[in-house]
Amino acid sequence: HEVGDILQSGSVPTTVLRAAMIIGSGSASFEILRYLVER
């Protein structure tokens, strides 16, 4: 959140997208899920 606030405090308009867990092959969150369930 702090990084987004810093970027938006400047004069250049900043679009901030905020996401939770990203499900996709190779993502750290998905790899944790995959190995926990499989093992």
PDB file of all heavy atoms in Angstrom:
ATOM      1  N   HIS A   1       0.838  -1.207   0.000  1.00  0.00           N
ATOM      2  CA  HIS A   1       0.000   0.000   0.000  1.00  0.00           C
ATOM      3  C   HIS A   1       0.873   1.257   0.000  1.00  0.00           C
ATOM      4  O   HIS A   1       0.542   2.245  -0.668  1.00  0.00           O
ATOM      5  CB  HIS A   1      -0.909   0.008   1.227  1.00  0.00           C
ATOM      6  CG  HIS A   1      -1.992  -1.030   1.183  1.00  0.00           C
ATOM      7  ND1 HIS A   1      -2.599  -1.435   0.024  1.00  0.00           N
ATOM      8  CD2 HIS A   1      -2.579  -1.763   2.176  1.00  0.00           C
ATOM      9  CE1 HIS A   1      -3.515  -2.342   0.290  1.00  0.00           C
ATOM     10  NE2 HIS A   1      -3.514  -2.571   1.598  1.00  0.00           N
ATOM     11  N   GLU A   2       1.969   1.227   0.740  1.00  0.00           N
ATOM     12  CA  GLU A   2       2.848   2.398   0.807  1.00  0.00           C
ATOM     13  C   GLU A   2       3.429   2.738  -0.561  1.00  0.00           C
ATOM     14  O   GLU A   2       3.509   3.909  -0.943  1.00  0.00           O
ATOM     15  CB  GLU A   2       3.977   2.150   1.810  1.00  0.00           C
ATOM     16  CG  GLU A   2       4.912   3.355   1.955  1.00  0.00           C
ATOM     17  CD  GLU A   2       6.105   3.062   2.828  1.00  0.00           C
ATOM     18  OE1 GLU A   2       6.441   1.878   3.039  1.00  0.00           O
ATOM     19  OE2 GLU A   2       6.744   4.029   3.300  1.00  0.00           O
ATOM     20  N   VAL A   3       3.826   1.727  -1.306  1.00  0.00           N
ATOM     21  CA  VAL A   3       4.368   1.961  -2.647  1.00  0.00           C
ATOM     22  C   VAL A   3       3.326   2.655  -3.527  1.00  0.00           C
ATOM     23  O   VAL A   3       3.631   3.625  -4.236  1.00  0.00           O
ATOM     24  CB  VAL A   3       4.829   0.637  -3.288  1.00  0.00           C
ATOM     25  CG1 VAL A   3       5.141   0.835  -4.773  1.00  0.00           C
ATOM     26  CG2 VAL A   3       6.056   0.094  -2.564  1.00  0.00           C
ATOM     27  N   GLY A   4       2.097   2.172  -3.474  1.00  0.00           N
ATOM     28  CA  GLY A   4       1.032   2.808  -4.256  1.00  0.00           C
ATOM     29  C   GLY A   4       0.807   4.247  -3.845  1.00  0.00           C
ATOM     30  O   GLY A   4       0.624   5.135  -4.700  1.00  0.00           O
ATOM     31  N   ASP A   5       0.828   4.518  -2.532  1.00  0.00           N
ATOM     32  CA  ASP A   5       0.630   5.887  -2.048  1.00  0.00           C
ATOM     33  C   ASP A   5       1.758   6.806  -2.524  1.00  0.00           C
ATOM     34  O   ASP A   5       1.511   7.962  -2.903  1.00  0.00           O
ATOM     35  CB  ASP A   5       0.575   5.897  -0.518  1.00  0.00           C
ATOM     36  CG  ASP A   5      -0.673   5.222   0.026  1.00  0.00           C
ATOM     37  OD1 ASP A   5      -1.650   5.073  -0.746  1.00  0.00           O
ATOM     38  OD2 ASP A   5      -0.666   4.828   1.214  1.00  0.00           O
ATOM     39  N   ILE A   6       2.998   6.320  -2.495  1.00  0.00           N
ATOM     40  CA  ILE A   6       4.139   7.127  -2.941  1.00  0.00           C
ATOM     41  C   ILE A   6       3.996   7.478  -4.413  1.00  0.00           C
ATOM     42  O   ILE A   6       4.189   8.630  -4.825  1.00  0.00           O
ATOM     43  CB  ILE A   6       5.463   6.377  -2.681  1.00  0.00           C
ATOM     44  CG1 ILE A   6       5.761   6.302  -1.179  1.00  0.00           C
ATOM     45  CG2 ILE A   6       6.634   7.058  -3.403  1.00  0.00           C
ATOM     46  CD1 ILE A   6       6.939   5.410  -0.826  1.00  0.00           C
ATOM     47  N   LEU A   7       3.657   6.489  -5.223  1.00  0.00           N
ATOM     48  CA  LEU A   7       3.523   6.738  -6.662  1.00  0.00           C
ATOM     49  C   LEU A   7       2.385   7.714  -6.943  1.00  0.00           C
ATOM     50  O   LEU A   7       2.503   8.599  -7.798  1.00  0.00           O
ATOM     51  CB  LEU A   7       3.289   5.417  -7.403  1.00  0.00           C
ATOM     52  CG  LEU A   7       4.459   4.415  -7.392  1.00  0.00           C
ATOM     53  CD1 LEU A   7       4.038   3.098  -8.026  1.00  0.00           C
ATOM     54  CD2 LEU A   7       5.669   4.987  -8.132  1.00  0.00           C
ATOM     55  N   GLN A   8       1.275   7.586  -6.229  1.00  0.00           N
ATOM     56  CA  GLN A   8       0.129   8.459  -6.480  1.00  0.00           C
ATOM     57  C   GLN A   8       0.327   9.863  -5.912  1.00  0.00           C
ATOM     58  O   GLN A   8      -0.411  10.779  -6.272  1.00  0.00           O
ATOM     59  CB  GLN A   8      -1.140   7.839  -5.912  1.00  0.00           C
ATOM     60  CG  GLN A   8      -1.637   6.654  -6.728  1.00  0.00           C
ATOM     61  CD  GLN A   8      -3.009   6.168  -6.312  1.00  0.00           C
ATOM     62  OE1 GLN A   8      -3.348   6.177  -5.125  1.00  0.00           O
ATOM     63  NE2 GLN A   8      -3.817   5.720  -7.272  1.00  0.00           N
ATOM     64  N   SER A   9       1.324  10.040  -5.046  1.00  0.00           N
ATOM     65  CA  SER A   9       1.579  11.363  -4.488  1.00  0.00           C
ATOM     66  C   SER A   9       2.356  12.270  -5.435  1.00  0.00           C
ATOM     67  O   SER A   9       2.499  13.467  -5.175  1.00  0.00           O
ATOM     68  CB  SER A   9       2.360  11.236  -3.167  1.00  0.00           C
ATOM     69  OG  SER A   9       3.679  10.760  -3.407  1.00  0.00           O
ATOM     70  N   GLY A  10       2.838  11.720  -6.540  1.00  0.00           N
ATOM     71  CA  GLY A  10       3.568  12.518  -7.525  1.00  0.00           C
ATOM     72  C   GLY A  10       2.631  13.214  -8.496  1.00  0.00           C
ATOM     73  O   GLY A  10       1.406  13.065  -8.438  1.00  0.00           O
ATOM     74  N   SER A  11       3.221  13.957  -9.414  1.00  0.00           N
ATOM     75  CA  SER A  11       2.418  14.719 -10.376  1.00  0.00           C
ATOM     76  C   SER A  11       1.951  13.874 -11.558  1.00  0.00           C
ATOM     77  O   SER A  11       1.061  14.295 -12.307  1.00  0.00           O
ATOM     78  CB  SER A  11       3.235  15.914 -10.890  1.00  0.00           C
ATOM     79  OG  SER A  11       4.422  15.477 -11.547  1.00  0.00           O
ATOM     80  N   VAL A  12       2.562  12.702 -11.769  1.00  0.00           N
ATOM     81  CA  VAL A  12       2.159  11.834 -12.878  1.00  0.00           C
ATOM     82  C   VAL A  12       1.000  10.943 -12.407  1.00  0.00           C
ATOM     83  O   VAL A  12       1.131  10.241 -11.399  1.00  0.00           O
ATOM     84  CB  VAL A  12       3.335  10.956 -13.350  1.00  0.00           C
ATOM     85  CG1 VAL A  12       2.874   9.972 -14.435  1.00  0.00           C
ATOM     86  CG2 VAL A  12       4.471  11.824 -13.877  1.00  0.00           C
ATOM     87  N   PRO A  13      -0.137  10.949 -13.101  1.00  0.00           N
ATOM     88  CA  PRO A  13      -1.283  10.126 -12.688  1.00  0.00           C
ATOM     89  C   PRO A  13      -0.909   8.652 -12.625  1.00  0.00           C
ATOM     90  O   PRO A  13      -0.341   8.112 -13.584  1.00  0.00           O
ATOM     91  CB  PRO A  13      -2.320  10.381 -13.791  1.00  0.00           C
ATOM     92  CG  PRO A  13      -1.909  11.659 -14.432  1.00  0.00           C
ATOM     93  CD  PRO A  13      -0.417  11.723 -14.326  1.00  0.00           C
ATOM     94  N   THR A  14      -1.204   8.024 -11.499  1.00  0.00           N
ATOM     95  CA  THR A  14      -0.850   6.622 -11.303  1.00  0.00           C
ATOM     96  C   THR A  14      -2.099   5.781 -11.076  1.00  0.00           C
ATOM     97  O   THR A  14      -2.928   6.109 -10.227  1.00  0.00           O
ATOM     98  CB  THR A  14       0.102   6.456 -10.097  1.00  0.00           C
ATOM     99  OG1 THR A  14       1.321   7.148 -10.365  1.00  0.00           O
ATOM    100  CG2 THR A  14       0.416   4.991  -9.826  1.00  0.00           C
ATOM    101  N   THR A  15      -2.210   4.721 -11.837  1.00  0.00           N
ATOM    102  CA  THR A  15      -3.296   3.757 -11.672  1.00  0.00           C
ATOM    103  C   THR A  15      -2.786   2.617 -10.797  1.00  0.00           C
ATOM    104  O   THR A  15      -1.775   1.995 -11.112  1.00  0.00           O
ATOM    105  CB  THR A  15      -3.746   3.190 -13.032  1.00  0.00           C
ATOM    106  OG1 THR A  15      -4.151   4.270 -13.881  1.00  0.00           O
ATOM    107  CG2 THR A  15      -4.889   2.206 -12.862  1.00  0.00           C
ATOM    108  N   VAL A  16      -3.478   2.355  -9.705  1.00  0.00           N
ATOM    109  CA  VAL A  16      -3.093   1.279  -8.786  1.00  0.00           C
ATOM    110  C   VAL A  16      -4.120   0.161  -8.876  1.00  0.00           C
ATOM    111  O   VAL A  16      -5.320   0.390  -8.680  1.00  0.00           O
ATOM    112  CB  VAL A  16      -2.989   1.791  -7.336  1.00  0.00           C
ATOM    113  CG1 VAL A  16      -2.728   0.626  -6.377  1.00  0.00           C
ATOM    114  CG2 VAL A  16      -1.881   2.831  -7.209  1.00  0.00           C
ATOM    115  N   LEU A  17      -3.645  -1.028  -9.204  1.00  0.00           N
ATOM    116  CA  LEU A  17      -4.486  -2.224  -9.208  1.00  0.00           C
ATOM    117  C   LEU A  17      -4.072  -3.078  -8.016  1.00  0.00           C
ATOM    118  O   LEU A  17      -2.889  -3.368  -7.834  1.00  0.00           O
ATOM    119  CB  LEU A  17      -4.296  -3.013 -10.508  1.00  0.00           C
ATOM    120  CG  LEU A  17      -4.638  -2.273 -11.803  1.00  0.00           C
ATOM    121  CD1 LEU A  17      -4.372  -3.167 -13.008  1.00  0.00           C
ATOM    122  CD2 LEU A  17      -6.079  -1.796 -11.803  1.00  0.00           C
ATOM    123  N   ARG A  18      -5.028  -3.486  -7.214  1.00  0.00           N
ATOM    124  CA  ARG A  18      -4.734  -4.241  -5.996  1.00  0.00           C
ATOM    125  C   ARG A  18      -5.341  -5.633  -6.111  1.00  0.00           C
ATOM    126  O   ARG A  18      -6.557  -5.776  -6.289  1.00  0.00           O
ATOM    127  CB  ARG A  18      -5.262  -3.515  -4.768  1.00  0.00           C
ATOM    128  CG  ARG A  18      -4.760  -2.077  -4.669  1.00  0.00           C
ATOM    129  CD  ARG A  18      -5.000  -1.463  -3.308  1.00  0.00           C
ATOM    130  NE  ARG A  18      -6.402  -1.514  -2.907  1.00  0.00           N
ATOM    131  CZ  ARG A  18      -6.860  -1.016  -1.759  1.00  0.00           C
ATOM    132  NH1 ARG A  18      -6.012  -0.451  -0.908  1.00  0.00           N
ATOM    133  NH2 ARG A  18      -8.148  -1.087  -1.459  1.00  0.00           N
ATOM    134  N   ALA A  19      -4.477  -6.661  -6.020  1.00  0.00           N
ATOM    135  CA  ALA A  19      -4.920  -8.044  -6.192  1.00  0.00           C
ATOM    136  C   ALA A  19      -4.544  -8.881  -4.981  1.00  0.00           C
ATOM    137  O   ALA A  19      -3.578  -8.589  -4.265  1.00  0.00           O
ATOM    138  CB  ALA A  19      -4.287  -8.646  -7.449  1.00  0.00           C
ATOM    139  N   ALA A  20      -5.319  -9.947  -4.752  1.00  0.00           N
ATOM    140  CA  ALA A  20      -4.989 -10.922  -3.712  1.00  0.00           C
ATOM    141  C   ALA A  20      -4.149 -12.025  -4.359  1.00  0.00           C
ATOM    142  O   ALA A  20      -3.291 -11.759  -5.191  1.00  0.00           O
ATOM    143  CB  ALA A  20      -6.272 -11.466  -3.087  1.00  0.00           C
ATOM    144  N   MET A  21      -4.400 -13.253  -4.009  1.00  0.00           N
ATOM    145  CA  MET A  21      -3.651 -14.387  -4.555  1.00  0.00           C
ATOM    146  C   MET A  21      -3.857 -14.489  -6.065  1.00  0.00           C
ATOM    147  O   MET A  21      -4.984 -14.401  -6.559  1.00  0.00           O
ATOM    148  CB  MET A  21      -4.124 -15.679  -3.888  1.00  0.00           C
ATOM    149  CG  MET A  21      -3.498 -16.941  -4.458  1.00  0.00           C
ATOM    150  SD  MET A  21      -4.182 -18.414  -3.675  1.00  0.00           S
ATOM    151  CE  MET A  21      -3.294 -19.700  -4.556  1.00  0.00           C
ATOM    152  N   ILE A  22      -2.761 -14.640  -6.792  1.00  0.00           N
ATOM    153  CA  ILE A  22      -2.830 -14.803  -8.240  1.00  0.00           C
ATOM    154  C   ILE A  22      -2.689 -16.281  -8.570  1.00  0.00           C
ATOM    155  O   ILE A  22      -1.695 -16.925  -8.204  1.00  0.00           O
ATOM    156  CB  ILE A  22      -1.725 -13.984  -8.948  1.00  0.00           C
ATOM    157  CG1 ILE A  22      -1.953 -12.483  -8.691  1.00  0.00           C
ATOM    158  CG2 ILE A  22      -1.700 -14.289 -10.444  1.00  0.00           C
ATOM    159  CD1 ILE A  22      -0.859 -11.592  -9.249  1.00  0.00           C
ATOM    160  N   ILE A  23      -3.672 -16.829  -9.255  1.00  0.00           N
ATOM    161  CA  ILE A  23      -3.642 -18.245  -9.632  1.00  0.00           C
ATOM    162  C   ILE A  23      -3.111 -18.353 -11.056  1.00  0.00           C
ATOM    163  O   ILE A  23      -3.738 -17.891 -12.009  1.00  0.00           O
ATOM    164  CB  ILE A  23      -5.042 -18.876  -9.548  1.00  0.00           C
ATOM    165  CG1 ILE A  23      -5.601 -18.765  -8.126  1.00  0.00           C
ATOM    166  CG2 ILE A  23      -4.994 -20.343  -9.980  1.00  0.00           C
ATOM    167  CD1 ILE A  23      -6.991 -19.348  -7.958  1.00  0.00           C
ATOM    168  N   GLY A  24      -1.961 -18.961 -11.175  1.00  0.00           N
ATOM    169  CA  GLY A  24      -1.345 -19.143 -12.481  1.00  0.00           C
ATOM    170  C   GLY A  24      -0.136 -20.040 -12.360  1.00  0.00           C
ATOM    171  O   GLY A  24       0.524 -20.071 -11.311  1.00  0.00           O
ATOM    172  N   SER A  25       0.162 -20.781 -13.394  1.00  0.00           N
ATOM    173  CA  SER A  25       1.322 -21.663 -13.357  1.00  0.00           C
ATOM    174  C   SER A  25       2.580 -20.838 -13.090  1.00  0.00           C
ATOM    175  O   SER A  25       2.831 -19.828 -13.729  1.00  0.00           O
ATOM    176  CB  SER A  25       1.461 -22.393 -14.699  1.00  0.00           C
ATOM    177  OG  SER A  25       1.573 -21.463 -15.762  1.00  0.00           O
ATOM    178  N   GLY A  26       3.338 -21.267 -12.101  1.00  0.00           N
ATOM    179  CA  GLY A  26       4.595 -20.598 -11.808  1.00  0.00           C
ATOM    180  C   GLY A  26       4.539 -19.504 -10.770  1.00  0.00           C
ATOM    181  O   GLY A  26       5.586 -19.032 -10.318  1.00  0.00           O
ATOM    182  N   SER A  27       3.330 -19.061 -10.345  1.00  0.00           N
ATOM    183  CA  SER A  27       3.271 -18.024  -9.318  1.00  0.00           C
ATOM    184  C   SER A  27       3.632 -18.632  -7.968  1.00  0.00           C
ATOM    185  O   SER A  27       3.386 -19.808  -7.713  1.00  0.00           O
ATOM    186  CB  SER A  27       1.891 -17.379  -9.255  1.00  0.00           C
ATOM    187  OG  SER A  27       0.988 -18.171  -8.504  1.00  0.00           O
ATOM    188  N   ALA A  28       4.240 -17.824  -7.087  1.00  0.00           N
ATOM    189  CA  ALA A  28       4.662 -18.335  -5.783  1.00  0.00           C
ATOM    190  C   ALA A  28       3.464 -18.859  -4.995  1.00  0.00           C
ATOM    191  O   ALA A  28       3.530 -19.927  -4.370  1.00  0.00           O
ATOM    192  CB  ALA A  28       5.390 -17.244  -5.001  1.00  0.00           C
ATOM    193  N   SER A  29       2.345 -18.125  -5.025  1.00  0.00           N
ATOM    194  CA  SER A  29       1.153 -18.549  -4.288  1.00  0.00           C
ATOM    195  C   SER A  29       0.624 -19.875  -4.803  1.00  0.00           C
ATOM    196  O   SER A  29       0.237 -20.759  -4.025  1.00  0.00           O
ATOM    197  CB  SER A  29       0.061 -17.477  -4.397  1.00  0.00           C
ATOM    198  OG  SER A  29       0.492 -16.261  -3.850  1.00  0.00           O
ATOM    199  N   PHE A  30       0.603 -20.024  -6.124  1.00  0.00           N
ATOM    200  CA  PHE A  30       0.092 -21.273  -6.693  1.00  0.00           C
ATOM    201  C   PHE A  30       1.039 -22.434  -6.413  1.00  0.00           C
ATOM    202  O   PHE A  30       0.597 -23.563  -6.171  1.00  0.00           O
ATOM    203  CB  PHE A  30      -0.122 -21.120  -8.200  1.00  0.00           C
ATOM    204  CG  PHE A  30      -0.761 -22.329  -8.831  1.00  0.00           C
ATOM    205  CD1 PHE A  30      -2.097 -22.601  -8.643  1.00  0.00           C
ATOM    206  CD2 PHE A  30      -0.009 -23.213  -9.592  1.00  0.00           C
ATOM    207  CE1 PHE A  30      -2.691 -23.728  -9.204  1.00  0.00           C
ATOM    208  CE2 PHE A  30      -0.580 -24.338 -10.156  1.00  0.00           C
ATOM    209  CZ  PHE A  30      -1.928 -24.596  -9.965  1.00  0.00           C
ATOM    210  N   GLU A  31       2.349 -22.186  -6.438  1.00  0.00           N
ATOM    211  CA  GLU A  31       3.307 -23.249  -6.152  1.00  0.00           C
ATOM    212  C   GLU A  31       3.166 -23.739  -4.708  1.00  0.00           C
ATOM    213  O   GLU A  31       3.285 -24.928  -4.438  1.00  0.00           O
ATOM    214  CB  GLU A  31       4.732 -22.758  -6.406  1.00  0.00           C
ATOM    215  CG  GLU A  31       5.073 -22.607  -7.875  1.00  0.00           C
ATOM    216  CD  GLU A  31       5.028 -23.934  -8.616  1.00  0.00           C
ATOM    217  OE1 GLU A  31       5.949 -24.749  -8.440  1.00  0.00           O
ATOM    218  OE2 GLU A  31       4.043 -24.167  -9.345  1.00  0.00           O
ATOM    219  N   ILE A  32       2.921 -22.817  -3.779  1.00  0.00           N
ATOM    220  CA  ILE A  32       2.687 -23.224  -2.393  1.00  0.00           C
ATOM    221  C   ILE A  32       1.461 -24.123  -2.317  1.00  0.00           C
ATOM    222  O   ILE A  32       1.484 -25.200  -1.710  1.00  0.00           O
ATOM    223  CB  ILE A  32       2.514 -21.992  -1.483  1.00  0.00           C
ATOM    224  CG1 ILE A  32       3.854 -21.249  -1.334  1.00  0.00           C
ATOM    225  CG2 ILE A  32       1.983 -22.398  -0.112  1.00  0.00           C
ATOM    226  CD1 ILE A  32       3.734 -19.940  -0.575  1.00  0.00           C
ATOM    227  N   LEU A  33       0.372 -23.688  -2.938  1.00  0.00           N
ATOM    228  CA  LEU A  33      -0.860 -24.481  -2.948  1.00  0.00           C
ATOM    229  C   LEU A  33      -0.617 -25.851  -3.576  1.00  0.00           C
ATOM    230  O   LEU A  33      -1.016 -26.889  -3.025  1.00  0.00           O
ATOM    231  CB  LEU A  33      -1.947 -23.725  -3.718  1.00  0.00           C
ATOM    232  CG  LEU A  33      -3.278 -24.453  -3.929  1.00  0.00           C
ATOM    233  CD1 LEU A  33      -3.991 -24.659  -2.602  1.00  0.00           C
ATOM    234  CD2 LEU A  33      -4.164 -23.670  -4.906  1.00  0.00           C
ATOM    235  N   ARG A  34       0.048 -25.877  -4.709  1.00  0.00           N
ATOM    236  CA  ARG A  34       0.268 -27.128  -5.450  1.00  0.00           C
ATOM    237  C   ARG A  34       1.047 -28.147  -4.624  1.00  0.00           C
ATOM    238  O   ARG A  34       0.650 -29.309  -4.512  1.00  0.00           O
ATOM    239  CB  ARG A  34       1.012 -26.822  -6.756  1.00  0.00           C
ATOM    240  CG  ARG A  34       1.293 -28.043  -7.605  1.00  0.00           C
ATOM    241  CD  ARG A  34       1.628 -27.654  -9.018  1.00  0.00           C
ATOM    242  NE  ARG A  34       2.967 -27.136  -9.174  1.00  0.00           N
ATOM    243  CZ  ARG A  34       3.999 -27.853  -9.643  1.00  0.00           C
ATOM    244  NH1 ARG A  34       3.824 -29.126  -9.952  1.00  0.00           N
ATOM    245  NH2 ARG A  34       5.178 -27.314  -9.806  1.00  0.00           N
ATOM    246  N   TYR A  35       2.152 -27.716  -4.047  1.00  0.00           N
ATOM    247  CA  TYR A  35       2.995 -28.664  -3.314  1.00  0.00           C
ATOM    248  C   TYR A  35       2.342 -29.114  -2.012  1.00  0.00           C
ATOM    249  O   TYR A  35       2.479 -30.281  -1.619  1.00  0.00           O
ATOM    250  CB  TYR A  35       4.370 -28.054  -3.051  1.00  0.00           C
ATOM    251  CG  TYR A  35       5.312 -28.229  -4.213  1.00  0.00           C
ATOM    252  CD1 TYR A  35       5.272 -27.375  -5.309  1.00  0.00           C
ATOM    253  CD2 TYR A  35       6.235 -29.275  -4.243  1.00  0.00           C
ATOM    254  CE1 TYR A  35       6.123 -27.535  -6.385  1.00  0.00           C
ATOM    255  CE2 TYR A  35       7.084 -29.456  -5.317  1.00  0.00           C
ATOM    256  CZ  TYR A  35       7.037 -28.595  -6.387  1.00  0.00           C
ATOM    257  OH  TYR A  35       7.876 -28.767  -7.454  1.00  0.00           O
ATOM    258  N   LEU A  36       1.652 -28.209  -1.328  1.00  0.00           N
ATOM    259  CA  LEU A  36       0.975 -28.608  -0.095  1.00  0.00           C
ATOM    260  C   LEU A  36      -0.068 -29.682  -0.374  1.00  0.00           C
ATOM    261  O   LEU A  36      -0.151 -30.695   0.334  1.00  0.00           O
ATOM    262  CB  LEU A  36       0.323 -27.393   0.568  1.00  0.00           C
ATOM    263  CG  LEU A  36       1.257 -26.391   1.251  1.00  0.00           C
ATOM    264  CD1 LEU A  36       0.447 -25.211   1.785  1.00  0.00           C
ATOM    265  CD2 LEU A  36       2.037 -27.039   2.384  1.00  0.00           C
ATOM    266  N   VAL A  37      -0.874 -29.482  -1.397  1.00  0.00           N
ATOM    267  CA  VAL A  37      -1.961 -30.421  -1.696  1.00  0.00           C
ATOM    268  C   VAL A  37      -1.401 -31.751  -2.209  1.00  0.00           C
ATOM    269  O   VAL A  37      -1.873 -32.828  -1.823  1.00  0.00           O
ATOM    270  CB  VAL A  37      -2.947 -29.820  -2.709  1.00  0.00           C
ATOM    271  CG1 VAL A  37      -4.041 -30.829  -3.049  1.00  0.00           C
ATOM    272  CG2 VAL A  37      -3.571 -28.543  -2.157  1.00  0.00           C
ATOM    273  N   GLU A  38      -0.401 -31.689  -3.067  1.00  0.00           N
ATOM    274  CA  GLU A  38       0.115 -32.920  -3.664  1.00  0.00           C
ATOM    275  C   GLU A  38       0.904 -33.766  -2.674  1.00  0.00           C
ATOM    276  O   GLU A  38       0.959 -34.988  -2.804  1.00  0.00           O
ATOM    277  CB  GLU A  38       0.968 -32.589  -4.891  1.00  0.00           C
ATOM    278  CG  GLU A  38       0.146 -32.044  -6.052  1.00  0.00           C
ATOM    279  CD  GLU A  38       0.975 -31.800  -7.300  1.00  0.00           C
ATOM    280  OE1 GLU A  38       2.210 -31.961  -7.223  1.00  0.00           O
ATOM    281  OE2 GLU A  38       0.390 -31.457  -8.344  1.00  0.00           O
ATOM    282  N   ARG A  39       1.500 -33.139  -1.680  1.00  0.00           N
ATOM    283  CA  ARG A  39       2.370 -33.875  -0.754  1.00  0.00           C
ATOM    284  C   ARG A  39       1.690 -34.250   0.561  1.00  0.00           C
ATOM    285  O   ARG A  39       2.147 -35.162   1.244  1.00  0.00           O
ATOM    286  CB  ARG A  39       3.630 -33.054  -0.468  1.00  0.00           C
ATOM    287  CG  ARG A  39       4.532 -32.907  -1.679  1.00  0.00           C
ATOM    288  CD  ARG A  39       5.733 -32.030  -1.376  1.00  0.00           C
ATOM    289  NE  ARG A  39       6.558 -31.859  -2.561  1.00  0.00           N
ATOM    290  CZ  ARG A  39       7.556 -32.659  -2.896  1.00  0.00           C
ATOM    291  NH1 ARG A  39       7.865 -33.666  -2.115  1.00  0.00           N
ATOM    292  NH2 ARG A  39       8.253 -32.453  -4.000  1.00  0.00           N
TER     293      ARG A  39
END
